[in-house]
């Protein structure tokens, strides 16, 4: 691997890791409905539940198909690493 390619790959990885760290520190409400800005790959988003945990039961889910944290269209049956259950 060339030095240039190594640096490019390293910087891309550092940027994605940094974005994930910032997203985990987010507090408060979004400024607009569906204002999530974290890319799905950084959030480890998947379109299916994870051990019964799903977006429809998460406090960050915005009906009908958005999220306070994750960007883009979100399935109520999806899951990501920012999942937090609704208060009982």
C-alpha atoms as a PDB file:
ATOM      1  CA  UNK A   1       0.000   0.000   0.000  1.00  0.00           C
ATOM      2  CA  UNK A   2       1.381   3.403  -0.927  1.00  0.00           C
ATOM      3  CA  UNK A   3       1.908   6.071   1.700  1.00  0.00           C
ATOM      4  CA  UNK A   4      -0.707   8.277   0.025  1.00  0.00           C
ATOM      5  CA  UNK A   5      -3.345   5.516   0.048  1.00  0.00           C
ATOM      6  CA  UNK A   6      -2.498   4.631   3.666  1.00  0.00           C
ATOM      7  CA  UNK A   7      -2.965   8.253   4.768  1.00  0.00           C
ATOM      8  CA  UNK A   8      -6.239   8.558   2.851  1.00  0.00           C
ATOM      9  CA  UNK A   9      -7.662   5.385   4.398  1.00  0.00           C
ATOM     10  CA  UNK A  10      -6.448   6.391   7.872  1.00  0.00           C
ATOM     11  CA  UNK A  11      -7.997   9.856   7.665  1.00  0.00           C
ATOM     12  CA  UNK A  12     -11.314   8.473   6.416  1.00  0.00           C
ATOM     13  CA  UNK A  13     -11.426   6.033   9.329  1.00  0.00           C
ATOM     14  CA  UNK A  14     -10.549   8.783  11.812  1.00  0.00           C
ATOM     15  CA  UNK A  15     -13.286  11.028  10.421  1.00  0.00           C
ATOM     16  CA  UNK A  16     -15.916   8.283  10.717  1.00  0.00           C
ATOM     17  CA  UNK A  17     -14.788   7.398  14.228  1.00  0.00           C
ATOM     18  CA  UNK A  18     -14.934  11.058  15.240  1.00  0.00           C
ATOM     19  CA  UNK A  19     -18.420  11.456  13.805  1.00  0.00           C
ATOM     20  CA  UNK A  20     -19.610   8.480  15.837  1.00  0.00           C
ATOM     21  CA  UNK A  21     -18.124   9.947  19.000  1.00  0.00           C
ATOM     22  CA  UNK A  22     -19.821  13.281  18.453  1.00  0.00           C
ATOM     23  CA  UNK A  23     -23.167  11.672  17.777  1.00  0.00           C
ATOM     24  CA  UNK A  24     -23.025   9.754  21.046  1.00  0.00           C
ATOM     25  CA  UNK A  25     -22.642  13.079  22.927  1.00  0.00           C
ATOM     26  CA  UNK A  26     -25.708  14.694  21.392  1.00  0.00           C
ATOM     27  CA  UNK A  27     -28.245  16.073  23.838  1.00  0.00           C
ATOM     28  CA  UNK A  28     -31.479  17.976  23.576  1.00  0.00           C
ATOM     29  CA  UNK A  29     -34.091  17.992  20.866  1.00  0.00           C
ATOM     30  CA  UNK A  30     -33.417  18.311  17.153  1.00  0.00           C
ATOM     31  CA  UNK A  31     -34.218  21.648  15.527  1.00  0.00           C
ATOM     32  CA  UNK A  32     -36.519  20.040  12.967  1.00  0.00           C
ATOM     33  CA  UNK A  33     -38.412  16.800  12.557  1.00  0.00           C
ATOM     34  CA  UNK A  34     -36.083  14.171  11.154  1.00  0.00           C
ATOM     35  CA  UNK A  35     -33.003  16.304  11.840  1.00  0.00           C
ATOM     36  CA  UNK A  36     -30.723  13.317  12.455  1.00  0.00           C
ATOM     37  CA  UNK A  37     -27.333  13.815  10.837  1.00  0.00           C
ATOM     38  CA  UNK A  38     -25.402  10.678  11.776  1.00  0.00           C
ATOM     39  CA  UNK A  39     -24.885   8.484   8.691  1.00  0.00           C
ATOM     40  CA  UNK A  40     -26.466   5.027   8.875  1.00  0.00           C
ATOM     41  CA  UNK A  41     -23.103   3.186   8.608  1.00  0.00           C
ATOM     42  CA  UNK A  42     -21.720   5.120  11.608  1.00  0.00           C
ATOM     43  CA  UNK A  43     -24.871   4.293  13.600  1.00  0.00           C
ATOM     44  CA  UNK A  44     -24.590   0.620  12.553  1.00  0.00           C
ATOM     45  CA  UNK A  45     -28.209   0.952  11.382  1.00  0.00           C
ATOM     46  CA  UNK A  46     -29.950  -2.166  10.088  1.00  0.00           C
ATOM     47  CA  UNK A  47     -33.482  -2.594   8.704  1.00  0.00           C
ATOM     48  CA  UNK A  48     -34.325  -5.430  11.098  1.00  0.00           C
ATOM     49  CA  UNK A  49     -34.657  -5.659  14.900  1.00  0.00           C
ATOM     50  CA  UNK A  50     -31.736  -6.703  17.113  1.00  0.00           C
ATOM     51  CA  UNK A  51     -32.737  -9.177  19.834  1.00  0.00           C
ATOM     52  CA  UNK A  52     -36.248  -7.736  19.941  1.00  0.00           C
ATOM     53  CA  UNK A  53     -35.036  -4.134  20.107  1.00  0.00           C
ATOM     54  CA  UNK A  54     -36.419  -1.989  17.290  1.00  0.00           C
ATOM     55  CA  UNK A  55     -36.631   1.674  16.340  1.00  0.00           C
ATOM     56  CA  UNK A  56     -40.399   1.814  16.962  1.00  0.00           C
ATOM     57  CA  UNK A  57     -39.673   1.219  20.664  1.00  0.00           C
ATOM     58  CA  UNK A  58     -36.812   3.745  20.891  1.00  0.00           C
ATOM     59  CA  UNK A  59     -37.018   7.205  22.458  1.00  0.00           C
ATOM     60  CA  UNK A  60     -35.196   8.728  19.450  1.00  0.00           C
ATOM     61  CA  UNK A  61     -37.696   7.437  16.853  1.00  0.00           C
ATOM     62  CA  UNK A  62     -39.895  10.075  15.183  1.00  0.00           C
ATOM     63  CA  UNK A  63     -43.087   8.733  13.596  1.00  0.00           C
ATOM     64  CA  UNK A  64     -43.590   7.703  10.886  1.00  0.00           C
ATOM     65  CA  UNK A  65     -40.020   7.018   9.678  1.00  0.00           C
ATOM     66  CA  UNK A  66     -37.350   9.375  11.088  1.00  0.00           C
ATOM     67  CA  UNK A  67     -34.878   9.585  13.957  1.00  0.00           C
ATOM     68  CA  UNK A  68     -33.457  12.364  16.133  1.00  0.00           C
ATOM     69  CA  UNK A  69     -29.944  10.990  15.594  1.00  0.00           C
ATOM     70  CA  UNK A  70     -29.708   8.906  12.408  1.00  0.00           C
ATOM     71  CA  UNK A  71     -30.062  10.536   8.976  1.00  0.00           C
ATOM     72  CA  UNK A  72     -32.447   9.311   6.314  1.00  0.00           C
ATOM     73  CA  UNK A  73     -35.565   7.184   6.291  1.00  0.00           C
ATOM     74  CA  UNK A  74     -35.791   4.860   9.294  1.00  0.00           C
ATOM     75  CA  UNK A  75     -37.888   1.700   9.501  1.00  0.00           C
ATOM     76  CA  UNK A  76     -39.898   1.242  12.715  1.00  0.00           C
ATOM     77  CA  UNK A  77     -38.558  -2.333  12.636  1.00  0.00           C
ATOM     78  CA  UNK A  78     -34.926  -1.212  12.251  1.00  0.00           C
ATOM     79  CA  UNK A  79     -32.221  -0.921  14.921  1.00  0.00           C
ATOM     80  CA  UNK A  80     -28.998   1.045  15.524  1.00  0.00           C
ATOM     81  CA  UNK A  81     -26.356   1.431  18.227  1.00  0.00           C
ATOM     82  CA  UNK A  82     -28.092   4.530  19.633  1.00  0.00           C
ATOM     83  CA  UNK A  83     -31.176   2.507  20.613  1.00  0.00           C
ATOM     84  CA  UNK A  84     -32.678   3.570  23.954  1.00  0.00           C
ATOM     85  CA  UNK A  85     -35.967   2.019  25.065  1.00  0.00           C
ATOM     86  CA  UNK A  86     -38.974   4.223  25.649  1.00  0.00           C
ATOM     87  CA  UNK A  87     -39.534   5.048  29.329  1.00  0.00           C
ATOM     88  CA  UNK A  88     -41.856   2.599  31.052  1.00  0.00           C
END
